[in-house]
Amino acid sequence: MSRELAGALCLVLVIEGLVLFAAPRSWQATMREVAKMSPRTLRLFGAVAIGIGLAALQWMH
């Protein structure tokens, strides 16, 4: 695994941890709402997130 990828994954863990540490009740409420969504909607959100992430990565490089 490349150093950049490992660093990026570590940053994801830090950000996720900060959200859980700073606002655990909000995170729980959000997850309850997400659990109510259909798989199709979740896939759409995932596809949009991938697209935004790839576009941002391309823009940064």
Protein backbone atom coordinates (compact mmCIF):
# COMPACT_ATOMS: atom_id res chain seq x y z
CA MET A 1 0.00 0.00 0.00
CA SER A 2 1.35 3.42 -0.84
CA ARG A 3 2.18 5.94 1.84
CA GLU A 4 -0.35 8.42 0.44
CA LEU A 5 -3.17 5.89 0.56
CA ALA A 6 -2.24 4.84 4.09
CA GLY A 7 -2.16 8.50 5.15
CA ALA A 8 -5.54 9.15 3.55
CA LEU A 9 -7.08 6.17 5.35
CA CYS A 10 -5.63 7.38 8.64
CA LEU A 11 -7.19 10.80 8.08
CA VAL A 12 -10.56 9.16 7.41
CA LEU A 13 -10.28 7.40 10.78
CA VAL A 14 -9.39 10.66 12.52
CA ILE A 15 -12.35 12.49 10.99
CA GLU A 16 -14.76 9.66 11.81
CA GLY A 17 -13.41 9.57 15.35
CA LEU A 18 -13.83 13.32 15.76
CA VAL A 19 -17.47 13.12 14.70
CA LEU A 20 -18.16 10.30 17.15
CA PHE A 21 -16.26 12.07 19.93
CA ALA A 22 -17.79 15.52 19.41
CA ALA A 23 -21.41 14.64 18.64
CA PRO A 24 -22.29 11.04 19.47
CA ARG A 25 -26.03 11.65 19.85
CA SER A 26 -26.28 13.46 16.53
CA TRP A 27 -24.36 10.64 14.88
CA GLN A 28 -26.77 8.08 16.39
CA ALA A 29 -29.79 10.06 15.17
CA THR A 30 -28.29 10.33 11.71
CA MET A 31 -27.61 6.60 11.57
CA ARG A 32 -31.21 5.86 12.61
CA GLU A 33 -32.42 7.99 9.69
CA VAL A 34 -29.95 6.37 7.30
CA ALA A 35 -31.19 2.92 8.35
CA LYS A 36 -34.67 3.93 7.14
CA MET A 37 -33.41 4.71 3.61
CA SER A 38 -33.77 2.25 0.78
CA PRO A 39 -30.66 0.51 -0.59
CA ARG A 40 -31.18 2.31 -3.90
CA THR A 41 -31.05 5.73 -2.20
CA LEU A 42 -27.94 4.73 -0.25
CA ARG A 43 -26.27 3.59 -3.47
CA LEU A 44 -27.12 6.93 -5.09
CA PHE A 45 -25.60 8.84 -2.16
CA GLY A 46 -22.54 6.58 -2.35
CA ALA A 47 -22.15 7.17 -6.08
CA VAL A 48 -22.45 10.93 -5.62
CA ALA A 49 -19.87 10.86 -2.80
CA ILE A 50 -17.47 8.86 -4.98
CA GLY A 51 -17.94 11.30 -7.84
CA ILE A 52 -17.34 14.34 -5.63
CA GLY A 53 -14.34 12.71 -4.01
CA LEU A 54 -12.76 11.79 -7.34
CA ALA A 55 -13.42 15.25 -8.77
CA ALA A 56 -11.90 16.90 -5.69
CA LEU A 57 -8.89 14.59 -5.86
CA GLN A 58 -8.39 15.38 -9.54
CA TRP A 59 -8.71 19.11 -8.80
CA MET A 60 -6.15 18.90 -5.99
CA HIS A 61 -3.60 17.18 -8.22
